[in-house]
Structure formats: C-alpha cells, structure tokens
PDB file of N, CA and C in Angstrom:
ATOM      1  N   MET A   1    -146.814 139.737 -53.165  1.00  0.00           N
ATOM      2  CA  MET A   1    -147.430 139.882 -54.184  1.00  0.00           C
ATOM      3  C   MET A   1    -148.398 140.270 -54.310  1.00  0.00           C
ATOM      4  N   SER A   2    -148.729 140.820 -55.552  1.00  0.00           N
ATOM      5  CA  SER A   2    -150.102 141.662 -55.784  1.00  0.00           C
ATOM      6  C   SER A   2    -151.518 140.853 -55.837  1.00  0.00           C
ATOM      7  N   TYR A   3    -152.413 141.333 -54.889  1.00  0.00           N
ATOM      8  CA  TYR A   3    -153.517 140.797 -54.428  1.00  0.00           C
ATOM      9  C   TYR A   3    -154.674 140.632 -56.200  1.00  0.00           C
ATOM     10  N   ALA A   4    -154.217 141.924 -57.098  1.00  0.00           N
ATOM     11  CA  ALA A   4    -154.566 141.594 -58.090  1.00  0.00           C
ATOM     12  C   ALA A   4    -154.137 140.087 -58.622  1.00  0.00           C
ATOM     13  N   LEU A   5    -153.338 139.856 -58.918  1.00  0.00           N
ATOM     14  CA  LEU A   5    -152.697 139.334 -59.599  1.00  0.00           C
ATOM     15  C   LEU A   5    -152.964 137.621 -58.856  1.00  0.00           C
ATOM     16  N   GLY A   6    -153.306 137.320 -57.841  1.00  0.00           N
ATOM     17  CA  GLY A   6    -153.912 136.409 -57.276  1.00  0.00           C
ATOM     18  C   GLY A   6    -154.822 136.178 -57.429  1.00  0.00           C
ATOM     19  N   MET A   7    -156.212 137.404 -57.309  1.00  0.00           N
ATOM     20  CA  MET A   7    -157.308 136.919 -58.149  1.00  0.00           C
ATOM     21  C   MET A   7    -157.431 136.655 -59.672  1.00  0.00           C
ATOM     22  N   ARG A   8    -156.458 137.464 -60.166  1.00  0.00           N
ATOM     23  CA  ARG A   8    -156.942 136.838 -61.978  1.00  0.00           C
ATOM     24  C   ARG A   8    -156.144 135.380 -61.883  1.00  0.00           C
ATOM     25  N   ILE A   9    -155.265 134.845 -60.953  1.00  0.00           N
ATOM     26  CA  ILE A   9    -155.067 133.423 -60.777  1.00  0.00           C
ATOM     27  C   ILE A   9    -156.419 132.412 -60.567  1.00  0.00           C
ATOM     28  N   LYS A  10    -156.716 132.844 -59.607  1.00  0.00           N
ATOM     29  CA  LYS A  10    -158.311 132.195 -58.693  1.00  0.00           C
ATOM     30  C   LYS A  10    -158.989 131.821 -59.811  1.00  0.00           C
ATOM     31  N   GLU A  11    -159.482 133.241 -60.934  1.00  0.00           N
ATOM     32  CA  GLU A  11    -160.187 133.218 -61.400  1.00  0.00           C
ATOM     33  C   GLU A  11    -160.357 132.655 -62.742  1.00  0.00           C
ATOM     34  N   LEU A  12    -159.064 132.916 -63.099  1.00  0.00           N
ATOM     35  CA  LEU A  12    -158.616 131.686 -64.231  1.00  0.00           C
ATOM     36  C   LEU A  12    -158.798 130.234 -63.499  1.00  0.00           C
ATOM     37  N   ARG A  13    -158.529 129.974 -62.286  1.00  0.00           N
ATOM     38  CA  ARG A  13    -158.715 128.368 -62.085  1.00  0.00           C
ATOM     39  C   ARG A  13    -159.953 127.817 -62.095  1.00  0.00           C
ATOM     40  N   GLN A  14    -160.637 128.800 -61.282  1.00  0.00           N
ATOM     41  CA  GLN A  14    -162.311 128.357 -61.373  1.00  0.00           C
ATOM     42  C   GLN A  14    -162.752 128.460 -62.619  1.00  0.00           C
ATOM     43  N   LYS A  15    -162.549 129.479 -63.718  1.00  0.00           N
ATOM     44  CA  LYS A  15    -162.751 129.247 -65.146  1.00  0.00           C
ATOM     45  C   LYS A  15    -162.776 127.572 -65.521  1.00  0.00           C
ATOM     46  N   HIS A  16    -161.761 127.058 -65.448  1.00  0.00           N
ATOM     47  CA  HIS A  16    -161.700 126.173 -65.688  1.00  0.00           C
ATOM     48  C   HIS A  16    -161.995 125.052 -65.081  1.00  0.00           C
ATOM     49  N   LYS A  17    -162.603 125.366 -64.377  1.00  0.00           N
ATOM     50  CA  LYS A  17    -163.099 123.839 -62.856  1.00  0.00           C
ATOM     51  C   LYS A  17    -161.941 123.207 -62.473  1.00  0.00           C
ATOM     52  N   ILE A  18    -160.465 123.643 -62.340  1.00  0.00           N
ATOM     53  CA  ILE A  18    -159.959 123.372 -61.125  1.00  0.00           C
ATOM     54  C   ILE A  18    -159.870 123.216 -60.000  1.00  0.00           C
ATOM     55  N   SER A  19    -159.101 122.773 -59.111  1.00  0.00           N
ATOM     56  CA  SER A  19    -159.263 122.712 -57.813  1.00  0.00           C
ATOM     57  C   SER A  19    -158.113 123.237 -57.350  1.00  0.00           C
ATOM     58  N   GLN A  20    -158.033 124.039 -56.090  1.00  0.00           N
ATOM     59  CA  GLN A  20    -156.805 124.251 -55.512  1.00  0.00           C
ATOM     60  C   GLN A  20    -155.578 123.137 -55.392  1.00  0.00           C
ATOM     61  N   GLU A  21    -155.994 122.000 -54.847  1.00  0.00           N
ATOM     62  CA  GLU A  21    -155.618 120.901 -54.759  1.00  0.00           C
ATOM     63  C   GLU A  21    -154.612 120.639 -55.988  1.00  0.00           C
ATOM     64  N   GLN A  22    -155.429 120.452 -57.337  1.00  0.00           N
ATOM     65  CA  GLN A  22    -154.962 120.043 -58.674  1.00  0.00           C
ATOM     66  C   GLN A  22    -154.027 121.439 -58.853  1.00  0.00           C
ATOM     67  N   MET A  23    -153.923 122.449 -58.863  1.00  0.00           N
ATOM     68  CA  MET A  23    -152.958 123.555 -59.582  1.00  0.00           C
ATOM     69  C   MET A  23    -151.811 123.649 -58.342  1.00  0.00           C
ATOM     70  N   ALA A  24    -151.911 123.178 -57.089  1.00  0.00           N
ATOM     71  CA  ALA A  24    -151.077 123.040 -56.088  1.00  0.00           C
ATOM     72  C   ALA A  24    -149.820 121.952 -56.393  1.00  0.00           C
ATOM     73  N   ASP A  25    -150.198 120.644 -56.948  1.00  0.00           N
ATOM     74  CA  ASP A  25    -149.709 119.662 -57.597  1.00  0.00           C
ATOM     75  C   ASP A  25    -149.190 119.902 -58.718  1.00  0.00           C
ATOM     76  N   VAL A  26    -149.424 120.892 -59.634  1.00  0.00           N
ATOM     77  CA  VAL A  26    -149.186 121.478 -60.601  1.00  0.00           C
ATOM     78  C   VAL A  26    -148.003 122.161 -60.206  1.00  0.00           C
ATOM     79  N   LEU A  27    -147.782 123.000 -59.059  1.00  0.00           N
ATOM     80  CA  LEU A  27    -146.928 123.728 -59.095  1.00  0.00           C
ATOM     81  C   LEU A  27    -145.885 123.153 -57.773  1.00  0.00           C
ATOM     82  N   GLU A  28    -146.079 121.770 -57.378  1.00  0.00           N
ATOM     83  CA  GLU A  28    -145.337 121.133 -56.358  1.00  0.00           C
ATOM     84  C   GLU A  28    -145.301 122.009 -55.399  1.00  0.00           C
ATOM     85  N   THR A  29    -146.382 122.333 -54.506  1.00  0.00           N
ATOM     86  CA  THR A  29    -146.176 123.080 -53.651  1.00  0.00           C
ATOM     87  C   THR A  29    -148.243 122.412 -52.661  1.00  0.00           C
ATOM     88  N   THR A  30    -148.024 122.497 -51.456  1.00  0.00           N
ATOM     89  CA  THR A  30    -149.187 122.695 -50.584  1.00  0.00           C
ATOM     90  C   THR A  30    -150.304 123.315 -50.892  1.00  0.00           C
ATOM     91  N   ARG A  31    -151.625 122.731 -50.677  1.00  0.00           N
ATOM     92  CA  ARG A  31    -152.548 123.278 -51.273  1.00  0.00           C
ATOM     93  C   ARG A  31    -152.817 125.231 -50.399  1.00  0.00           C
ATOM     94  N   GLN A  32    -152.460 124.769 -49.164  1.00  0.00           N
ATOM     95  CA  GLN A  32    -152.315 126.083 -47.964  1.00  0.00           C
ATOM     96  C   GLN A  32    -151.498 126.733 -48.859  1.00  0.00           C
ATOM     97  N   ARG A  33    -150.339 126.649 -49.427  1.00  0.00           N
ATOM     98  CA  ARG A  33    -149.346 127.608 -49.570  1.00  0.00           C
ATOM     99  C   ARG A  33    -150.457 128.227 -51.677  1.00  0.00           C
ATOM    100  N   TYR A  34    -150.679 126.851 -51.970  1.00  0.00           N
ATOM    101  CA  TYR A  34    -151.177 127.887 -53.221  1.00  0.00           C
ATOM    102  C   TYR A  34    -152.195 128.543 -52.969  1.00  0.00           C
ATOM    103  N   SER A  35    -153.378 128.547 -51.567  1.00  0.00           N
ATOM    104  CA  SER A  35    -154.344 129.496 -51.561  1.00  0.00           C
ATOM    105  C   SER A  35    -153.363 130.628 -50.879  1.00  0.00           C
ATOM    106  N   ARG A  36    -152.182 130.648 -50.538  1.00  0.00           N
ATOM    107  CA  ARG A  36    -152.030 131.963 -49.790  1.00  0.00           C
ATOM    108  C   ARG A  36    -151.317 132.927 -51.221  1.00  0.00           C
ATOM    109  N   ILE A  37    -150.970 131.990 -52.028  1.00  0.00           N
ATOM    110  CA  ILE A  37    -150.604 132.787 -53.284  1.00  0.00           C
ATOM    111  C   ILE A  37    -151.768 133.524 -54.514  1.00  0.00           C
ATOM    112  N   GLU A  38    -152.674 132.520 -53.700  1.00  0.00           N
ATOM    113  CA  GLU A  38    -154.434 133.289 -54.813  1.00  0.00           C
ATOM    114  C   GLU A  38    -154.741 134.373 -53.850  1.00  0.00           C
ATOM    115  N   ASN A  39    -154.391 134.575 -52.293  1.00  0.00           N
ATOM    116  CA  ASN A  39    -154.608 135.632 -51.824  1.00  0.00           C
ATOM    117  C   ASN A  39    -153.854 136.792 -51.497  1.00  0.00           C
ATOM    118  N   GLY A  40    -152.697 136.703 -52.279  1.00  0.00           N
ATOM    119  CA  GLY A  40    -151.762 137.475 -52.498  1.00  0.00           C
ATOM    120  C   GLY A  40    -150.676 137.735 -51.834  1.00  0.00           C
ATOM    121  N   GLN A  41    -151.085 136.658 -50.657  1.00  0.00           N
ATOM    122  CA  GLN A  41    -150.206 136.722 -48.920  1.00  0.00           C
ATOM    123  C   GLN A  41    -148.867 136.453 -49.493  1.00  0.00           C
ATOM    124  N   VAL A  42    -148.216 135.433 -50.305  1.00  0.00           N
ATOM    125  CA  VAL A  42    -146.723 134.794 -50.771  1.00  0.00           C
ATOM    126  C   VAL A  42    -146.958 135.475 -52.214  1.00  0.00           C
ATOM    127  N   ASP A  43    -145.300 135.965 -52.060  1.00  0.00           N
ATOM    128  CA  ASP A  43    -144.600 135.942 -53.691  1.00  0.00           C
ATOM    129  C   ASP A  43    -144.766 134.842 -54.575  1.00  0.00           C
ATOM    130  N   ILE A  44    -144.644 135.049 -56.117  1.00  0.00           N
ATOM    131  CA  ILE A  44    -144.866 134.218 -56.586  1.00  0.00           C
ATOM    132  C   ILE A  44    -143.894 134.275 -58.225  1.00  0.00           C
ATOM    133  N   SER A  45    -143.119 133.298 -58.155  1.00  0.00           N
ATOM    134  CA  SER A  45    -142.142 133.567 -59.690  1.00  0.00           C
ATOM    135  C   SER A  45    -143.019 133.564 -60.885  1.00  0.00           C
ATOM    136  N   PHE A  46    -142.224 133.979 -61.879  1.00  0.00           N
ATOM    137  CA  PHE A  46    -142.396 134.013 -63.016  1.00  0.00           C
ATOM    138  C   PHE A  46    -142.602 132.603 -64.136  1.00  0.00           C
ATOM    139  N   VAL A  47    -141.253 131.917 -63.072  1.00  0.00           N
ATOM    140  CA  VAL A  47    -141.504 130.310 -63.273  1.00  0.00           C
ATOM    141  C   VAL A  47    -142.823 129.385 -63.098  1.00  0.00           C
ATOM    142  N   MET A  48    -143.395 129.829 -62.125  1.00  0.00           N
ATOM    143  CA  MET A  48    -144.742 129.217 -61.344  1.00  0.00           C
ATOM    144  C   MET A  48    -146.283 129.605 -62.366  1.00  0.00           C
ATOM    145  N   ILE A  49    -145.481 130.910 -62.304  1.00  0.00           N
ATOM    146  CA  ILE A  49    -146.938 131.411 -63.017  1.00  0.00           C
ATOM    147  C   ILE A  49    -146.591 131.054 -64.851  1.00  0.00           C
ATOM    148  N   LYS A  50    -145.473 130.702 -65.237  1.00  0.00           N
ATOM    149  CA  LYS A  50    -145.656 130.007 -66.544  1.00  0.00           C
ATOM    150  C   LYS A  50    -146.067 128.321 -66.607  1.00  0.00           C
ATOM    151  N   LYS A  51    -145.641 127.907 -65.298  1.00  0.00           N
ATOM    152  CA  LYS A  51    -146.222 126.587 -65.309  1.00  0.00           C
ATOM    153  C   LYS A  51    -148.581 126.505 -65.187  1.00  0.00           C
ATOM    154  N   ILE A  52    -148.670 128.330 -64.894  1.00  0.00           N
ATOM    155  CA  ILE A  52    -149.666 127.790 -64.317  1.00  0.00           C
ATOM    156  C   ILE A  52    -150.512 128.132 -65.607  1.00  0.00           C
ATOM    157  N   ALA A  53    -149.756 129.500 -66.346  1.00  0.00           N
ATOM    158  CA  ALA A  53    -150.086 129.488 -67.846  1.00  0.00           C
ATOM    159  C   ALA A  53    -150.520 128.377 -68.680  1.00  0.00           C
ATOM    160  N   ASP A  54    -149.137 127.735 -69.085  1.00  0.00           N
ATOM    161  CA  ASP A  54    -149.306 126.173 -69.990  1.00  0.00           C
ATOM    162  C   ASP A  54    -150.408 124.944 -69.278  1.00  0.00           C
ATOM    163  N   TYR A  55    -150.294 124.952 -67.662  1.00  0.00           N
ATOM    164  CA  TYR A  55    -151.307 124.001 -67.379  1.00  0.00           C
ATOM    165  C   TYR A  55    -152.994 124.308 -67.814  1.00  0.00           C
ATOM    166  N   LEU A  56    -153.359 125.974 -67.600  1.00  0.00           N
ATOM    167  CA  LEU A  56    -154.115 126.044 -68.501  1.00  0.00           C
ATOM    168  C   LEU A  56    -154.424 126.669 -69.584  1.00  0.00           C
ATOM    169  N   GLY A  57    -153.461 126.529 -70.438  1.00  0.00           N
ATOM    170  CA  GLY A  57    -153.309 126.694 -71.728  1.00  0.00           C
ATOM    171  C   GLY A  57    -153.834 127.768 -72.340  1.00  0.00           C
ATOM    172  N   VAL A  58    -153.055 128.983 -71.317  1.00  0.00           N
ATOM    173  CA  VAL A  58    -153.336 130.449 -71.666  1.00  0.00           C
ATOM    174  C   VAL A  58    -152.268 131.526 -71.783  1.00  0.00           C
ATOM    175  N   PRO A  59    -152.091 132.041 -72.169  1.00  0.00           N
ATOM    176  CA  PRO A  59    -150.511 132.598 -72.775  1.00  0.00           C
ATOM    177  C   PRO A  59    -150.180 133.455 -71.181  1.00  0.00           C
ATOM    178  N   THR A  60    -148.963 133.535 -70.379  1.00  0.00           N
ATOM    179  CA  THR A  60    -148.623 134.184 -69.604  1.00  0.00           C
ATOM    180  C   THR A  60    -149.371 135.535 -68.899  1.00  0.00           C
ATOM    181  N   SER A  61    -149.492 136.344 -70.140  1.00  0.00           N
ATOM    182  CA  SER A  61    -150.254 137.726 -70.083  1.00  0.00           C
ATOM    183  C   SER A  61    -151.959 137.761 -69.994  1.00  0.00           C
ATOM    184  N   ASP A  62    -152.045 136.444 -69.719  1.00  0.00           N
ATOM    185  CA  ASP A  62    -153.583 136.303 -69.461  1.00  0.00           C
ATOM    186  C   ASP A  62    -153.660 136.436 -67.957  1.00  0.00           C
ATOM    187  N   ILE A  63    -152.344 135.784 -67.269  1.00  0.00           N
ATOM    188  CA  ILE A  63    -152.299 135.876 -66.119  1.00  0.00           C
ATOM    189  C   ILE A  63    -151.643 137.470 -65.682  1.00  0.00           C
ATOM    190  N   THR A  64    -151.063 137.716 -65.905  1.00  0.00           N
ATOM    191  CA  THR A  64    -150.285 139.176 -65.681  1.00  0.00           C
ATOM    192  C   THR A  64    -150.978 140.559 -66.262  1.00  0.00           C
ATOM    193  N   SER A  65    -151.951 140.273 -66.797  1.00  0.00           N
ATOM    194  CA  SER A  65    -152.488 141.713 -67.574  1.00  0.00           C
ATOM    195  C   SER A  65    -153.386 142.010 -66.287  1.00  0.00           C
ATOM    196  N   ALA A  66    -153.340 143.420 -66.468  1.00  0.00           N
ATOM    197  CA  ALA A  66    -154.389 144.149 -65.683  1.00  0.00           C
ATOM    198  C   ALA A  66    -155.020 144.869 -65.948  1.00  0.00           C
ATOM    199  N   GLU A  67    -155.278 144.295 -67.442  1.00  0.00           N
ATOM    200  CA  GLU A  67    -155.930 145.315 -68.053  1.00  0.00           C
ATOM    201  C   GLU A  67    -157.735 145.645 -67.366  1.00  0.00           C
ATOM    202  N   GLU A  68    -158.396 144.594 -66.746  1.00  0.00           N
ATOM    203  CA  GLU A  68    -159.307 144.772 -66.400  1.00  0.00           C
ATOM    204  C   GLU A  68    -159.814 145.839 -65.184  1.00  0.00           C
ATOM    205  N   GLU A  69    -158.081 145.448 -64.701  1.00  0.00           N
ATOM    206  CA  GLU A  69    -158.340 146.969 -63.543  1.00  0.00           C
ATOM    207  C   GLU A  69    -158.526 148.386 -63.791  1.00  0.00           C
ATOM    208  N   LYS A  70    -157.780 148.015 -65.477  1.00  0.00           N
ATOM    209  CA  LYS A  70    -158.050 149.852 -65.973  1.00  0.00           C
ATOM    210  C   LYS A  70    -159.776 150.282 -66.263  1.00  0.00           C
ATOM    211  N   LYS A  71    -160.169 149.189 -66.162  1.00  0.00           N
ATOM    212  CA  LYS A  71    -161.673 149.378 -67.064  1.00  0.00           C
ATOM    213  C   LYS A  71    -162.692 150.135 -65.933  1.00  0.00           C
ATOM    214  N   GLU A  72    -163.126 150.771 -66.326  1.00  0.00           N
ATOM    215  CA  GLU A  72    -163.888 152.161 -65.154  1.00  0.00           C
ATOM    216  C   GLU A  72    -165.672 151.034 -65.306  1.00  0.00           C
ATOM    217  N   LEU A  73    -166.049 151.399 -63.943  1.00  0.00           N
ATOM    218  CA  LEU A  73    -166.828 150.983 -62.793  1.00  0.00           C
ATOM    219  C   LEU A  73    -167.919 150.658 -64.312  1.00  0.00           C
ATOM    220  N   VAL A  74    -168.714 151.397 -64.897  1.00  0.00           N
ATOM    221  CA  VAL A  74    -169.859 151.087 -65.763  1.00  0.00           C
ATOM    222  C   VAL A  74    -169.401 150.098 -66.833  1.00  0.00           C
ATOM    223  N   THR A  75    -168.060 150.274 -67.042  1.00  0.00           N
ATOM    224  CA  THR A  75    -167.948 149.288 -68.624  1.00  0.00           C
ATOM    225  C   THR A  75    -168.006 147.623 -67.846  1.00  0.00           C
ATOM    226  N   LEU A  76    -166.951 147.483 -67.001  1.00  0.00           N
ATOM    227  CA  LEU A  76    -167.382 146.351 -65.980  1.00  0.00           C
ATOM    228  C   LEU A  76    -168.820 145.758 -65.653  1.00  0.00           C
ATOM    229  N   PHE A  77    -169.546 146.555 -64.783  1.00  0.00           N
ATOM    230  CA  PHE A  77    -171.252 146.852 -64.770  1.00  0.00           C
ATOM    231  C   PHE A  77    -171.610 146.400 -66.112  1.00  0.00           C
ATOM    232  N   ARG A  78    -171.454 146.912 -66.938  1.00  0.00           N
ATOM    233  CA  ARG A  78    -172.272 146.477 -68.172  1.00  0.00           C
ATOM    234  C   ARG A  78    -172.041 144.958 -69.087  1.00  0.00           C
ATOM    235  N   GLU A  79    -170.806 144.783 -68.790  1.00  0.00           N
ATOM    236  CA  GLU A  79    -169.998 143.366 -69.372  1.00  0.00           C
ATOM    237  C   GLU A  79    -170.810 142.521 -68.529  1.00  0.00           C
ATOM    238  N   LYS A  80    -170.731 142.951 -67.015  1.00  0.00           N
ATOM    239  CA  LYS A  80    -171.242 141.403 -66.164  1.00  0.00           C
ATOM    240  C   LYS A  80    -172.837 141.035 -65.845  1.00  0.00           C
ATOM    241  N   ASN A  81    -173.199 142.384 -66.399  1.00  0.00           N
ATOM    242  CA  ASN A  81    -174.940 142.248 -65.966  1.00  0.00           C
ATOM    243  C   ASN A  81    -175.243 142.459 -67.272  1.00  0.00           C
ATOM    244  N   SER A  82    -177.016 142.111 -67.221  1.00  0.00           N
ATOM    245  CA  SER A  82    -177.561 141.898 -68.342  1.00  0.00           C
ATOM    246  C   SER A  82    -178.811 141.428 -67.783  1.00  0.00           C
ATOM    247  N   GLY A  83    -179.917 142.233 -68.754  1.00  0.00           N
ATOM    248  CA  GLY A  83    -181.860 141.822 -68.880  1.00  0.00           C
ATOM    249  C   GLY A  83    -182.107 142.153 -67.027  1.00  0.00           C
ATOM    250  N   GLU A  84    -182.539 141.314 -66.495  1.00  0.00           N
ATOM    251  CA  GLU A  84    -183.213 141.696 -65.677  1.00  0.00           C
ATOM    252  C   GLU A  84    -182.519 141.968 -64.075  1.00  0.00           C
ATOM    253  N   ASP A  85    -180.885 141.051 -64.491  1.00  0.00           N
ATOM    254  CA  ASP A  85    -179.803 141.806 -63.100  1.00  0.00           C
ATOM    255  C   ASP A  85    -179.322 143.093 -62.964  1.00  0.00           C
ATOM    256  N   VAL A  86    -179.812 143.909 -64.151  1.00  0.00           N
ATOM    257  CA  VAL A  86    -179.406 144.968 -64.330  1.00  0.00           C
ATOM    258  C   VAL A  86    -180.674 145.773 -63.709  1.00  0.00           C
ATOM    259  N   ILE A  87    -181.763 145.523 -64.022  1.00  0.00           N
ATOM    260  CA  ILE A  87    -182.883 146.194 -63.009  1.00  0.00           C
ATOM    261  C   ILE A  87    -182.653 145.498 -61.586  1.00  0.00           C
ATOM    262  N   ASP A  88    -182.228 144.594 -61.300  1.00  0.00           N
ATOM    263  CA  ASP A  88    -181.785 144.277 -59.800  1.00  0.00           C
ATOM    264  C   ASP A  88    -181.261 145.225 -58.874  1.00  0.00           C
ATOM    265  N   SER A  89    -179.976 145.591 -59.834  1.00  0.00           N
ATOM    266  CA  SER A  89    -178.914 145.804 -59.848  1.00  0.00           C
ATOM    267  C   SER A  89    -179.024 147.539 -59.728  1.00  0.00           C
ATOM    268  N   VAL A  90    -179.891 148.094 -60.841  1.00  0.00           N
ATOM    269  CA  VAL A  90    -180.342 149.696 -60.974  1.00  0.00           C
ATOM    270  C   VAL A  90    -180.893 149.499 -59.651  1.00  0.00           C
ATOM    271  N   ALA A  91    -181.831 149.169 -59.376  1.00  0.00           N
ATOM    272  CA  ALA A  91    -182.729 149.382 -58.125  1.00  0.00           C
ATOM    273  C   ALA A  91    -182.215 149.446 -56.672  1.00  0.00           C
ATOM    274  N   LYS A  92    -181.411 148.358 -56.842  1.00  0.00           N
ATOM    275  CA  LYS A  92    -180.963 148.376 -55.264  1.00  0.00           C
ATOM    276  C   LYS A  92    -179.254 149.994 -55.346  1.00  0.00           C
ATOM    277  N   ILE A  93    -178.636 150.337 -56.102  1.00  0.00           N
ATOM    278  CA  ILE A  93    -177.863 151.262 -56.259  1.00  0.00           C
ATOM    279  C   ILE A  93    -178.939 152.426 -56.127  1.00  0.00           C
ATOM    280  N   GLU A  94    -180.376 152.596 -56.323  1.00  0.00           N
ATOM    281  CA  GLU A  94    -180.966 153.727 -56.357  1.00  0.00           C
ATOM    282  C   GLU A  94    -181.106 153.990 -54.483  1.00  0.00           C
ATOM    283  N   GLU A  95    -181.887 152.328 -54.255  1.00  0.00           N
ATOM    284  CA  GLU A  95    -182.108 152.655 -52.709  1.00  0.00           C
ATOM    285  C   GLU A  95    -180.678 152.757 -52.215  1.00  0.00           C
ATOM    286  N   ILE A  96    -179.496 152.384 -52.318  1.00  0.00           N
ATOM    287  CA  ILE A  96    -178.906 153.074 -51.524  1.00  0.00           C
ATOM    288  C   ILE A  96    -178.434 154.801 -51.769  1.00  0.00           C
ATOM    289  N   LEU A  97    -178.597 154.759 -52.781  1.00  0.00           N
ATOM    290  CA  LEU A  97    -178.356 156.682 -53.134  1.00  0.00           C
ATOM    291  C   LEU A  97    -179.662 157.420 -52.109  1.00  0.00           C
ATOM    292  N   LYS A  98    -180.669 156.665 -52.224  1.00  0.00           N
ATOM    293  CA  LYS A  98    -181.800 157.581 -51.860  1.00  0.00           C
ATOM    294  C   LYS A  98    -181.291 157.439 -50.091  1.00  0.00           C
ATOM    295  N   VAL A  99    -181.216 156.075 -49.156  1.00  0.00           N
ATOM    296  CA  VAL A  99    -180.530 156.255 -47.912  1.00  0.00           C
ATOM    297  C   VAL A  99    -179.422 157.335 -47.612  1.00  0.00           C
ATOM    298  N   PHE A 100    -178.153 157.397 -48.412  1.00  0.00           N
ATOM    299  CA  PHE A 100    -177.343 158.153 -48.515  1.00  0.00           C
ATOM    300  C   PHE A 100    -177.685 159.277 -48.497  1.00  0.00           C
ATOM    301  N   HIS A 101    -178.699 160.101 -49.497  1.00  0.00           N
ATOM    302  CA  HIS A 101    -179.150 161.645 -49.327  1.00  0.00           C
ATOM    303  C   HIS A 101    -180.173 161.734 -47.987  1.00  0.00           C
ATOM    304  N   ALA A 102    -180.719 161.224 -47.940  1.00  0.00           N
ATOM    305  CA  ALA A 102    -181.099 160.974 -46.767  1.00  0.00           C
ATOM    306  C   ALA A 102    -180.631 161.004 -45.367  1.00  0.00           C
ATOM    307  N   HIS A 103    -179.111 160.350 -45.271  1.00  0.00           N
ATOM    308  CA  HIS A 103    -178.631 160.255 -44.034  1.00  0.00           C
ATOM    309  C   HIS A 103    -177.832 162.258 -44.238  1.00  0.00           C
ATOM    310  N   GLU A 104    -176.874 162.316 -45.409  1.00  0.00           N
ATOM    311  CA  GLU A 104    -176.911 163.655 -45.838  1.00  0.00           C
ATOM    312  C   GLU A 104    -177.679 164.631 -45.390  1.00  0.00           C
ATOM    313  N   LYS A 105    -178.728 164.560 -45.737  1.00  0.00           N
ATOM    314  CA  LYS A 105    -179.947 166.073 -45.472  1.00  0.00           C
ATOM    315  C   LYS A 105    -179.751 165.739 -44.125  1.00  0.00           C
ATOM    316  N   LEU A 106    -179.705 164.571 -43.214  1.00  0.00           N
ATOM    317  CA  LEU A 106    -180.125 164.858 -41.737  1.00  0.00           C
ATOM    318  C   LEU A 106    -178.609 165.246 -41.131  1.00  0.00           C
ATOM    319  N   TYR A 107    -177.611 164.647 -41.777  1.00  0.00           N
ATOM    320  CA  TYR A 107    -176.484 165.612 -41.094  1.00  0.00           C
ATOM    321  C   TYR A 107    -176.599 166.691 -41.357  1.00  0.00           C
ATOM    322  N   HIS A 108    -176.704 167.303 -42.070  1.00  0.00           N
ATOM    323  CA  HIS A 108    -176.832 168.998 -42.745  1.00  0.00           C
ATOM    324  C   HIS A 108    -177.742 169.588 -41.804  1.00  0.00           C
ATOM    325  N   GLN A 109    -178.983 169.207 -41.302  1.00  0.00           N
ATOM    326  CA  GLN A 109    -179.931 169.723 -40.448  1.00  0.00           C
ATOM    327  C   GLN A 109    -179.128 169.544 -39.562  1.00  0.00           C
ATOM    328  N   MET A 110    -178.745 169.060 -38.912  1.00  0.00           N
ATOM    329  CA  MET A 110    -178.023 168.886 -37.712  1.00  0.00           C
ATOM    330  C   MET A 110    -176.981 169.424 -37.046  1.00  0.00           C
ATOM    331  N   LYS A 111    -176.455 169.847 -38.120  1.00  0.00           N
ATOM    332  CA  LYS A 111    -175.118 171.271 -38.196  1.00  0.00           C
ATOM    333  C   LYS A 111    -175.834 172.650 -37.945  1.00  0.00           C
ATOM    334  N   VAL A 112    -176.749 172.814 -38.362  1.00  0.00           N
ATOM    335  CA  VAL A 112    -177.243 173.788 -38.601  1.00  0.00           C
ATOM    336  C   VAL A 112    -177.945 173.759 -37.409  1.00  0.00           C
ATOM    337  N   ARG A 113    -178.645 172.566 -36.957  1.00  0.00           N
ATOM    338  CA  ARG A 113    -179.429 173.141 -35.256  1.00  0.00           C
ATOM    339  C   ARG A 113    -178.433 173.507 -34.107  1.00  0.00           C
ATOM    340  N   ASP A 114    -176.923 172.935 -34.398  1.00  0.00           N
ATOM    341  CA  ASP A 114    -175.878 173.206 -33.396  1.00  0.00           C
ATOM    342  C   ASP A 114    -175.346 173.757 -33.710  1.00  0.00           C
ATOM    343  N   GLY A 115    -175.721 174.813 -34.888  1.00  0.00           N
ATOM    344  CA  GLY A 115    -174.740 176.101 -34.784  1.00  0.00           C
ATOM    345  C   GLY A 115    -173.177 175.461 -35.693  1.00  0.00           C
ATOM    346  N   PHE A 116    -173.345 174.606 -36.582  1.00  0.00           N
ATOM    347  CA  PHE A 116    -171.814 174.151 -37.377  1.00  0.00           C
ATOM    348  C   PHE A 116    -171.814 174.128 -38.451  1.00  0.00           C
ATOM    349  N   VAL A 117    -172.502 175.508 -39.145  1.00  0.00           N
ATOM    350  CA  VAL A 117    -173.028 175.643 -40.143  1.00  0.00           C
ATOM    351  C   VAL A 117    -171.315 176.407 -40.974  1.00  0.00           C
ATOM    352  N   ASP A 118    -171.074 175.585 -41.917  1.00  0.00           N
ATOM    353  CA  ASP A 118    -169.319 175.945 -42.857  1.00  0.00           C
ATOM    354  C   ASP A 118    -169.534 177.297 -43.337  1.00  0.00           C
TER     355      ASP A 118
END
C-alpha cells in the first residue's frame, strides 16, 4: 500500500479525534494491523477505505486523493504557516542556507588546495 494513502487516513483520523483502537473496531481488525495500514506496511481494500470514509463522514475521494502531494512546497508552506510561524520558519531556512553555503565554500577551497579543480 502507498505510504501517502496511509498518511492521509491517519491525518483524517486525527482530524476527527478518533483513536486507532476505534478505527480498528470499525474495520474489525486489531489496532496493530490498523497501525500498519497507516504506516503503509499492509494493503488496504477499497471496502476498508469505504468503511473508513463512511465512519468519518467523508467521500472516499478525500482518502484516495493525492491532491496535496502535487502541490508545490511553497503553496503548502503558505497554507500551513502564518504570522510569527512564517518568520521563525524563514529564519531557520536562512540559517540552514548559510551553513550550507559555508560548507560549499569550504569544500571548493579544499578542492582547489588539493588540486582537484574541475
């Protein structure tokens, strides 16, 4: 099964504040097997997807849709962050980029010093 499908099921379950045990009961399976479904470790039938959708009160397309996977990173960032979260996130990204550029510069200096210039 797709990891993305399992993550989508988990996301919807958590959004509806439902435990893994409750979902396992709905699917007439164990909590351990249900956990493996969410982790993409076992296959899930359309019948099970339909049971989950009915229990959550959502169309099956809400579960099977990979729409969010297709979105650009920037779009997801904008949707999931606002206000001070954005400022903090951008500051972290800038710090990561500074470290990356410092390592890149050091790498190129070492290549030149050791005579491995492209």
